[in-house]
Amino acid sequence: MSERFTPRQKAALRYTSMLVWDPEGADDSVWAKLHEHFSDAQIVELGSFIAVTFGQQRVIKTWHVGHNELAGTPGTSLAPGAQT
């Protein structure tokens, strides 16, 4: 992995790769590295974000939607209270 990434970023990228491409490949070393940089709550939040994002990308790909072809409702956001 590139030296451009910090150890924390590398742990998150490894987790992302595992969740997306090899969900059964989580061994003790994956969890140990994650716990060096993230709390349990952060690991759950990161995993949830990865799952939602990857799922959205799968839906978009299945629908054959190109970049900016399917716009959301103007003025809305995913998080209540977020600035748009």
PDB file of N, CA and C in Angstrom:
ATOM      1  N   MET A   1       0.855  -1.172   0.000  1.00  0.00           N
ATOM      2  CA  MET A   1       0.000   0.000   0.000  1.00  0.00           C
ATOM      3  C   MET A   1       0.901   1.235   0.000  1.00  0.00           C
ATOM      4  N   SER A   2       0.434   2.267  -0.610  1.00  0.00           N
ATOM      5  CA  SER A   2       1.201   3.495  -0.771  1.00  0.00           C
ATOM      6  C   SER A   2       1.626   4.101   0.562  1.00  0.00           C
ATOM      7  N   GLU A   3       2.796   4.687   0.562  1.00  0.00           N
ATOM      8  CA  GLU A   3       3.291   5.388   1.745  1.00  0.00           C
ATOM      9  C   GLU A   3       2.612   6.749   1.914  1.00  0.00           C
ATOM     10  N   ARG A   4       1.781   7.130   0.968  1.00  0.00           N
ATOM     11  CA  ARG A   4       1.044   8.393   1.067  1.00  0.00           C
ATOM     12  C   ARG A   4       0.007   8.347   2.185  1.00  0.00           C
ATOM     13  N   PHE A   5      -0.418   7.141   2.541  1.00  0.00           N
ATOM     14  CA  PHE A   5      -1.461   6.985   3.545  1.00  0.00           C
ATOM     15  C   PHE A   5      -0.858   6.812   4.934  1.00  0.00           C
ATOM     16  N   THR A   6      -1.551   7.365   5.910  1.00  0.00           N
ATOM     17  CA  THR A   6      -1.142   7.175   7.301  1.00  0.00           C
ATOM     18  C   THR A   6      -1.517   5.755   7.736  1.00  0.00           C
ATOM     19  N   PRO A   7      -0.935   5.270   8.828  1.00  0.00           N
ATOM     20  CA  PRO A   7      -1.336   3.950   9.324  1.00  0.00           C
ATOM     21  C   PRO A   7      -2.846   3.864   9.602  1.00  0.00           C
ATOM     22  N   ARG A   8      -3.430   4.931  10.104  1.00  0.00           N
ATOM     23  CA  ARG A   8      -4.882   4.964  10.361  1.00  0.00           C
ATOM     24  C   ARG A   8      -5.662   4.813   9.054  1.00  0.00           C
ATOM     25  N   GLN A   9      -5.245   5.548   8.025  1.00  0.00           N
ATOM     26  CA  GLN A   9      -5.914   5.454   6.726  1.00  0.00           C
ATOM     27  C   GLN A   9      -5.747   4.058   6.128  1.00  0.00           C
ATOM     28  N   LYS A  10      -4.568   3.484   6.279  1.00  0.00           N
ATOM     29  CA  LYS A  10      -4.330   2.134   5.763  1.00  0.00           C
ATOM     30  C   LYS A  10      -5.239   1.117   6.446  1.00  0.00           C
ATOM     31  N   ALA A  11      -5.429   1.263   7.748  1.00  0.00           N
ATOM     32  CA  ALA A  11      -6.326   0.351   8.469  1.00  0.00           C
ATOM     33  C   ALA A  11      -7.753   0.496   7.949  1.00  0.00           C
ATOM     34  N   ALA A  12      -8.186   1.730   7.722  1.00  0.00           N
ATOM     35  CA  ALA A  12      -9.539   1.968   7.202  1.00  0.00           C
ATOM     36  C   ALA A  12      -9.682   1.426   5.786  1.00  0.00           C
ATOM     37  N   LEU A  13      -8.660   1.588   4.962  1.00  0.00           N
ATOM     38  CA  LEU A  13      -8.717   1.072   3.588  1.00  0.00           C
ATOM     39  C   LEU A  13      -8.721  -0.455   3.565  1.00  0.00           C
ATOM     40  N   ARG A  14      -7.960  -1.062   4.446  1.00  0.00           N
ATOM     41  CA  ARG A  14      -7.965  -2.532   4.527  1.00  0.00           C
ATOM     42  C   ARG A  14      -9.346  -3.032   4.949  1.00  0.00           C
ATOM     43  N   TYR A  15      -9.944  -2.348   5.909  1.00  0.00           N
ATOM     44  CA  TYR A  15     -11.299  -2.674   6.372  1.00  0.00           C
ATOM     45  C   TYR A  15     -12.288  -2.527   5.226  1.00  0.00           C
ATOM     46  N   THR A  16     -12.175  -1.444   4.477  1.00  0.00           N
ATOM     47  CA  THR A  16     -13.052  -1.210   3.324  1.00  0.00           C
ATOM     48  C   THR A  16     -12.909  -2.336   2.314  1.00  0.00           C
ATOM     49  N   SER A  17     -11.684  -2.668   1.976  1.00  0.00           N
ATOM     50  CA  SER A  17     -11.433  -3.738   1.007  1.00  0.00           C
ATOM     51  C   SER A  17     -12.016  -5.060   1.491  1.00  0.00           C
ATOM     52  N   MET A  18     -11.853  -5.344   2.770  1.00  0.00           N
ATOM     53  CA  MET A  18     -12.391  -6.578   3.333  1.00  0.00           C
ATOM     54  C   MET A  18     -13.913  -6.605   3.222  1.00  0.00           C
ATOM     55  N   LEU A  19     -14.564  -5.505   3.613  1.00  0.00           N
ATOM     56  CA  LEU A  19     -16.028  -5.466   3.578  1.00  0.00           C
ATOM     57  C   LEU A  19     -16.572  -5.593   2.160  1.00  0.00           C
ATOM     58  N   VAL A  20     -15.900  -4.969   1.218  1.00  0.00           N
ATOM     59  CA  VAL A  20     -16.396  -4.945  -0.160  1.00  0.00           C
ATOM     60  C   VAL A  20     -16.036  -6.217  -0.922  1.00  0.00           C
ATOM     61  N   TRP A  21     -14.801  -6.684  -0.789  1.00  0.00           N
ATOM     62  CA  TRP A  21     -14.328  -7.769  -1.646  1.00  0.00           C
ATOM     63  C   TRP A  21     -14.125  -9.106  -0.948  1.00  0.00           C
ATOM     64  N   ASP A  22     -13.900  -9.097   0.354  1.00  0.00           N
ATOM     65  CA  ASP A  22     -13.576 -10.346   1.045  1.00  0.00           C
ATOM     66  C   ASP A  22     -14.131 -10.339   2.469  1.00  0.00           C
ATOM     67  N   PRO A  23     -15.465 -10.321   2.610  1.00  0.00           N
ATOM     68  CA  PRO A  23     -16.056 -10.186   3.942  1.00  0.00           C
ATOM     69  C   PRO A  23     -15.722 -11.325   4.903  1.00  0.00           C
ATOM     70  N   GLU A  24     -15.319 -12.460   4.385  1.00  0.00           N
ATOM     71  CA  GLU A  24     -14.956 -13.573   5.265  1.00  0.00           C
ATOM     72  C   GLU A  24     -13.464 -13.585   5.574  1.00  0.00           C
ATOM     73  N   GLY A  25     -12.750 -12.592   5.056  1.00  0.00           N
ATOM     74  CA  GLY A  25     -11.305 -12.546   5.240  1.00  0.00           C
ATOM     75  C   GLY A  25     -10.842 -11.806   6.477  1.00  0.00           C
ATOM     76  N   ALA A  26     -11.763 -11.468   7.349  1.00  0.00           N
ATOM     77  CA  ALA A  26     -11.396 -10.724   8.557  1.00  0.00           C
ATOM     78  C   ALA A  26     -10.748 -11.661   9.561  1.00  0.00           C
ATOM     79  N   ASP A  27      -9.456 -11.509   9.713  1.00  0.00           N
ATOM     80  CA  ASP A  27      -8.776 -12.303  10.731  1.00  0.00           C
ATOM     81  C   ASP A  27      -8.399 -11.387  11.897  1.00  0.00           C
ATOM     82  N   ASP A  28      -7.757 -11.949  12.880  1.00  0.00           N
ATOM     83  CA  ASP A  28      -7.416 -11.174  14.080  1.00  0.00           C
ATOM     84  C   ASP A  28      -6.542  -9.970  13.768  1.00  0.00           C
ATOM     85  N   SER A  29      -5.702 -10.076  12.737  1.00  0.00           N
ATOM     86  CA  SER A  29      -4.815  -8.954  12.417  1.00  0.00           C
ATOM     87  C   SER A  29      -5.597  -7.741  11.912  1.00  0.00           C
ATOM     88  N   VAL A  30      -6.683  -7.981  11.186  1.00  0.00           N
ATOM     89  CA  VAL A  30      -7.525  -6.876  10.710  1.00  0.00           C
ATOM     90  C   VAL A  30      -8.113  -6.131  11.898  1.00  0.00           C
ATOM     91  N   TRP A  31      -8.686  -6.885  12.826  1.00  0.00           N
ATOM     92  CA  TRP A  31      -9.321  -6.259  13.986  1.00  0.00           C
ATOM     93  C   TRP A  31      -8.301  -5.587  14.896  1.00  0.00           C
ATOM     94  N   ALA A  32      -7.144  -6.201  15.055  1.00  0.00           N
ATOM     95  CA  ALA A  32      -6.101  -5.607  15.896  1.00  0.00           C
ATOM     96  C   ALA A  32      -5.648  -4.268  15.323  1.00  0.00           C
ATOM     97  N   LYS A  33      -5.440  -4.223  14.020  1.00  0.00           N
ATOM     98  CA  LYS A  33      -5.005  -2.982  13.380  1.00  0.00           C
ATOM     99  C   LYS A  33      -6.085  -1.914  13.482  1.00  0.00           C
ATOM    100  N   LEU A  34      -7.336  -2.297  13.285  1.00  0.00           N
ATOM    101  CA  LEU A  34      -8.430  -1.330  13.424  1.00  0.00           C
ATOM    102  C   LEU A  34      -8.479  -0.768  14.838  1.00  0.00           C
ATOM    103  N   HIS A  35      -8.345  -1.646  15.829  1.00  0.00           N
ATOM    104  CA  HIS A  35      -8.434  -1.196  17.223  1.00  0.00           C
ATOM    105  C   HIS A  35      -7.234  -0.351  17.664  1.00  0.00           C
ATOM    106  N   GLU A  36      -6.155  -0.371  16.901  1.00  0.00           N
ATOM    107  CA  GLU A  36      -5.036   0.531  17.186  1.00  0.00           C
ATOM    108  C   GLU A  36      -5.420   1.983  16.892  1.00  0.00           C
ATOM    109  N   HIS A  37      -6.377   2.168  15.978  1.00  0.00           N
ATOM    110  CA  HIS A  37      -6.690   3.506  15.478  1.00  0.00           C
ATOM    111  C   HIS A  37      -8.125   3.959  15.709  1.00  0.00           C
ATOM    112  N   PHE A  38      -9.028   3.021  15.981  1.00  0.00           N
ATOM    113  CA  PHE A  38     -10.450   3.348  16.082  1.00  0.00           C
ATOM    114  C   PHE A  38     -11.075   2.675  17.300  1.00  0.00           C
ATOM    115  N   SER A  39     -12.077   3.334  17.868  1.00  0.00           N
ATOM    116  CA  SER A  39     -12.873   2.727  18.944  1.00  0.00           C
ATOM    117  C   SER A  39     -13.884   1.767  18.318  1.00  0.00           C
ATOM    118  N   ASP A  40     -14.523   0.951  19.147  1.00  0.00           N
ATOM    119  CA  ASP A  40     -15.567   0.055  18.630  1.00  0.00           C
ATOM    120  C   ASP A  40     -16.659   0.846  17.920  1.00  0.00           C
ATOM    121  N   ALA A  41     -17.077   1.954  18.522  1.00  0.00           N
ATOM    122  CA  ALA A  41     -18.135   2.774  17.918  1.00  0.00           C
ATOM    123  C   ALA A  41     -17.696   3.322  16.561  1.00  0.00           C
ATOM    124  N   GLN A  42     -16.443   3.730  16.443  1.00  0.00           N
ATOM    125  CA  GLN A  42     -15.945   4.244  15.167  1.00  0.00           C
ATOM    126  C   GLN A  42     -15.867   3.142  14.113  1.00  0.00           C
ATOM    127  N   ILE A  43     -15.497   1.940  14.528  1.00  0.00           N
ATOM    128  CA  ILE A  43     -15.431   0.813  13.589  1.00  0.00           C
ATOM    129  C   ILE A  43     -16.824   0.490  13.063  1.00  0.00           C
ATOM    130  N   VAL A  44     -17.813   0.498  13.938  1.00  0.00           N
ATOM    131  CA  VAL A  44     -19.197   0.255  13.517  1.00  0.00           C
ATOM    132  C   VAL A  44     -19.664   1.361  12.578  1.00  0.00           C
ATOM    133  N   GLU A  45     -19.390   2.610  12.931  1.00  0.00           N
ATOM    134  CA  GLU A  45     -19.809   3.731  12.085  1.00  0.00           C
ATOM    135  C   GLU A  45     -19.132   3.672  10.718  1.00  0.00           C
ATOM    136  N   LEU A  46     -17.844   3.409  10.691  1.00  0.00           N
ATOM    137  CA  LEU A  46     -17.116   3.307   9.431  1.00  0.00           C
ATOM    138  C   LEU A  46     -17.653   2.152   8.590  1.00  0.00           C
ATOM    139  N   GLY A  47     -17.871   1.008   9.210  1.00  0.00           N
ATOM    140  CA  GLY A  47     -18.415  -0.143   8.487  1.00  0.00           C
ATOM    141  C   GLY A  47     -19.796   0.133   7.931  1.00  0.00           C
ATOM    142  N   SER A  48     -20.621   0.810   8.697  1.00  0.00           N
ATOM    143  CA  SER A  48     -21.970   1.160   8.225  1.00  0.00           C
ATOM    144  C   SER A  48     -21.899   2.109   7.041  1.00  0.00           C
ATOM    145  N   PHE A  49     -21.020   3.097   7.122  1.00  0.00           N
ATOM    146  CA  PHE A  49     -20.862   4.044   6.016  1.00  0.00           C
ATOM    147  C   PHE A  49     -20.373   3.332   4.758  1.00  0.00           C
ATOM    148  N   ILE A  50     -19.406   2.446   4.911  1.00  0.00           N
ATOM    149  CA  ILE A  50     -18.886   1.686   3.771  1.00  0.00           C
ATOM    150  C   ILE A  50     -19.994   0.847   3.150  1.00  0.00           C
ATOM    151  N   ALA A  51     -20.769   0.164   3.976  1.00  0.00           N
ATOM    152  CA  ALA A  51     -21.850  -0.695   3.477  1.00  0.00           C
ATOM    153  C   ALA A  51     -22.903   0.106   2.722  1.00  0.00           C
ATOM    154  N   VAL A  52     -23.313   1.241   3.282  1.00  0.00           N
ATOM    155  CA  VAL A  52     -24.328   2.074   2.621  1.00  0.00           C
ATOM    156  C   VAL A  52     -23.786   2.620   1.307  1.00  0.00           C
ATOM    157  N   THR A  53     -22.561   3.129   1.333  1.00  0.00           N
ATOM    158  CA  THR A  53     -21.968   3.704   0.126  1.00  0.00           C
ATOM    159  C   THR A  53     -21.800   2.646  -0.954  1.00  0.00           C
ATOM    160  N   PHE A  54     -21.285   1.477  -0.590  1.00  0.00           N
ATOM    161  CA  PHE A  54     -21.099   0.415  -1.574  1.00  0.00           C
ATOM    162  C   PHE A  54     -22.441  -0.053  -2.120  1.00  0.00           C
ATOM    163  N   GLY A  55     -23.436  -0.167  -1.249  1.00  0.00           N
ATOM    164  CA  GLY A  55     -24.777  -0.553  -1.697  1.00  0.00           C
ATOM    165  C   GLY A  55     -25.364   0.455  -2.662  1.00  0.00           C
ATOM    166  N   GLN A  56     -25.189   1.744  -2.362  1.00  0.00           N
ATOM    167  CA  GLN A  56     -25.681   2.790  -3.269  1.00  0.00           C
ATOM    168  C   GLN A  56     -25.005   2.675  -4.626  1.00  0.00           C
ATOM    169  N   GLN A  57     -23.716   2.426  -4.624  1.00  0.00           N
ATOM    170  CA  GLN A  57     -22.993   2.317  -5.891  1.00  0.00           C
ATOM    171  C   GLN A  57     -23.474   1.114  -6.697  1.00  0.00           C
ATOM    172  N   ARG A  58     -23.801   0.036  -6.021  1.00  0.00           N
ATOM    173  CA  ARG A  58     -24.337  -1.145  -6.715  1.00  0.00           C
ATOM    174  C   ARG A  58     -25.685  -0.846  -7.363  1.00  0.00           C
ATOM    175  N   VAL A  59     -26.540  -0.132  -6.641  1.00  0.00           N
ATOM    176  CA  VAL A  59     -27.853   0.239  -7.186  1.00  0.00           C
ATOM    177  C   VAL A  59     -27.674   1.144  -8.397  1.00  0.00           C
ATOM    178  N   ILE A  60     -26.826   2.148  -8.272  1.00  0.00           N
ATOM    179  CA  ILE A  60     -26.587   3.079  -9.378  1.00  0.00           C
ATOM    180  C   ILE A  60     -26.057   2.328 -10.594  1.00  0.00           C
ATOM    181  N   LYS A  61     -25.128   1.410 -10.385  1.00  0.00           N
ATOM    182  CA  LYS A  61     -24.569   0.621 -11.491  1.00  0.00           C
ATOM    183  C   LYS A  61     -25.650  -0.262 -12.119  1.00  0.00           C
ATOM    184  N   THR A  62     -26.483  -0.886 -11.296  1.00  0.00           N
ATOM    185  CA  THR A  62     -27.563  -1.738 -11.797  1.00  0.00           C
ATOM    186  C   THR A  62     -28.547  -0.944 -12.641  1.00  0.00           C
ATOM    187  N   TRP A  63     -28.822   0.292 -12.221  1.00  0.00           N
ATOM    188  CA  TRP A  63     -29.758   1.154 -12.950  1.00  0.00           C
ATOM    189  C   TRP A  63     -29.118   1.814 -14.175  1.00  0.00           C
ATOM    190  N   HIS A  64     -27.814   1.622 -14.370  1.00  0.00           N
ATOM    191  CA  HIS A  64     -27.079   2.251 -15.481  1.00  0.00           C
ATOM    192  C   HIS A  64     -27.178   3.773 -15.430  1.00  0.00           C
ATOM    193  N   VAL A  65     -27.048   4.320 -14.238  1.00  0.00           N
ATOM    194  CA  VAL A  65     -27.124   5.765 -14.051  1.00  0.00           C
ATOM    195  C   VAL A  65     -25.720   6.344 -14.164  1.00  0.00           C
ATOM    196  N   GLY A  66     -25.568   7.362 -15.007  1.00  0.00           N
ATOM    197  CA  GLY A  66     -24.289   8.042 -15.157  1.00  0.00           C
ATOM    198  C   GLY A  66     -24.124   9.142 -14.127  1.00  0.00           C
ATOM    199  N   HIS A  67     -22.941   9.721 -14.107  1.00  0.00           N
ATOM    200  CA  HIS A  67     -22.620  10.787 -13.158  1.00  0.00           C
ATOM    201  C   HIS A  67     -23.578  11.965 -13.319  1.00  0.00           C
ATOM    202  N   ASN A  68     -24.189  12.379 -12.223  1.00  0.00           N
ATOM    203  CA  ASN A  68     -25.128  13.512 -12.177  1.00  0.00           C
ATOM    204  C   ASN A  68     -26.393  13.312 -13.012  1.00  0.00           C
ATOM    205  N   GLU A  69     -26.727  12.092 -13.376  1.00  0.00           N
ATOM    206  CA  GLU A  69     -27.946  11.846 -14.145  1.00  0.00           C
ATOM    207  C   GLU A  69     -29.174  11.713 -13.254  1.00  0.00           C
ATOM    208  N   LEU A  70     -28.997  11.372 -12.013  1.00  0.00           N
ATOM    209  CA  LEU A  70     -30.109  11.170 -11.103  1.00  0.00           C
ATOM    210  C   LEU A  70     -29.911  12.085  -9.905  1.00  0.00           C
ATOM    211  N   ALA A  71     -30.557  13.234  -9.957  1.00  0.00           N
ATOM    212  CA  ALA A  71     -30.368  14.229  -8.907  1.00  0.00           C
ATOM    213  C   ALA A  71     -31.377  14.017  -7.787  1.00  0.00           C
ATOM    214  N   GLY A  72     -30.964  14.332  -6.595  1.00  0.00           N
ATOM    215  CA  GLY A  72     -31.863  14.293  -5.452  1.00  0.00           C
ATOM    216  C   GLY A  72     -32.755  15.521  -5.448  1.00  0.00           C
ATOM    217  N   THR A  73     -33.614  15.581  -4.479  1.00  0.00           N
ATOM    218  CA  THR A  73     -34.491  16.734  -4.326  1.00  0.00           C
ATOM    219  C   THR A  73     -33.659  17.924  -3.862  1.00  0.00           C
ATOM    220  N   PRO A  74     -33.741  19.058  -4.558  1.00  0.00           N
ATOM    221  CA  PRO A  74     -32.949  20.228  -4.151  1.00  0.00           C
ATOM    222  C   PRO A  74     -33.226  20.613  -2.703  1.00  0.00           C
ATOM    223  N   GLY A  75     -32.158  20.938  -1.992  1.00  0.00           N
ATOM    224  CA  GLY A  75     -32.286  21.392  -0.616  1.00  0.00           C
ATOM    225  C   GLY A  75     -32.371  20.287   0.416  1.00  0.00           C
ATOM    226  N   THR A  76     -32.272  19.024   0.000  1.00  0.00           N
ATOM    227  CA  THR A  76     -32.328  17.928   0.967  1.00  0.00           C
ATOM    228  C   THR A  76     -30.922  17.407   1.236  1.00  0.00           C
ATOM    229  N   SER A  77     -30.780  16.691   2.324  1.00  0.00           N
ATOM    230  CA  SER A  77     -29.494  16.091   2.657  1.00  0.00           C
ATOM    231  C   SER A  77     -29.735  14.748   3.336  1.00  0.00           C
ATOM    232  N   LEU A  78     -28.669  13.979   3.488  1.00  0.00           N
ATOM    233  CA  LEU A  78     -28.775  12.685   4.149  1.00  0.00           C
ATOM    234  C   LEU A  78     -28.873  12.825   5.659  1.00  0.00           C
ATOM    235  N   ALA A  79     -28.294  13.879   6.191  1.00  0.00           N
ATOM    236  CA  ALA A  79     -28.272  14.052   7.643  1.00  0.00           C
ATOM    237  C   ALA A  79     -29.178  15.201   8.063  1.00  0.00           C
ATOM    238  N   PRO A  80     -30.104  14.944   8.996  1.00  0.00           N
ATOM    239  CA  PRO A  80     -30.958  16.030   9.475  1.00  0.00           C
ATOM    240  C   PRO A  80     -30.112  17.175  10.028  1.00  0.00           C
ATOM    241  N   GLY A  81     -30.441  18.375   9.637  1.00  0.00           N
ATOM    242  CA  GLY A  81     -29.732  19.549  10.130  1.00  0.00           C
ATOM    243  C   GLY A  81     -28.467  19.885   9.378  1.00  0.00           C
ATOM    244  N   ALA A  82     -28.080  19.059   8.408  1.00  0.00           N
ATOM    245  CA  ALA A  82     -26.864  19.346   7.641  1.00  0.00           C
ATOM    246  C   ALA A  82     -27.098  20.532   6.722  1.00  0.00           C
ATOM    247  N   GLN A  83     -26.070  21.303   6.530  1.00  0.00           N
ATOM    248  CA  GLN A  83     -26.156  22.448   5.627  1.00  0.00           C
ATOM    249  C   GLN A  83     -26.033  21.963   4.188  1.00  0.00           C
ATOM    250  N   THR A  84     -26.921  22.445   3.318  1.00  0.00           N
ATOM    251  CA  THR A  84     -26.847  22.068   1.904  1.00  0.00           C
ATOM    252  C   THR A  84     -26.447  23.246   1.068  1.00  0.00           C
TER     253      THR A  84
END
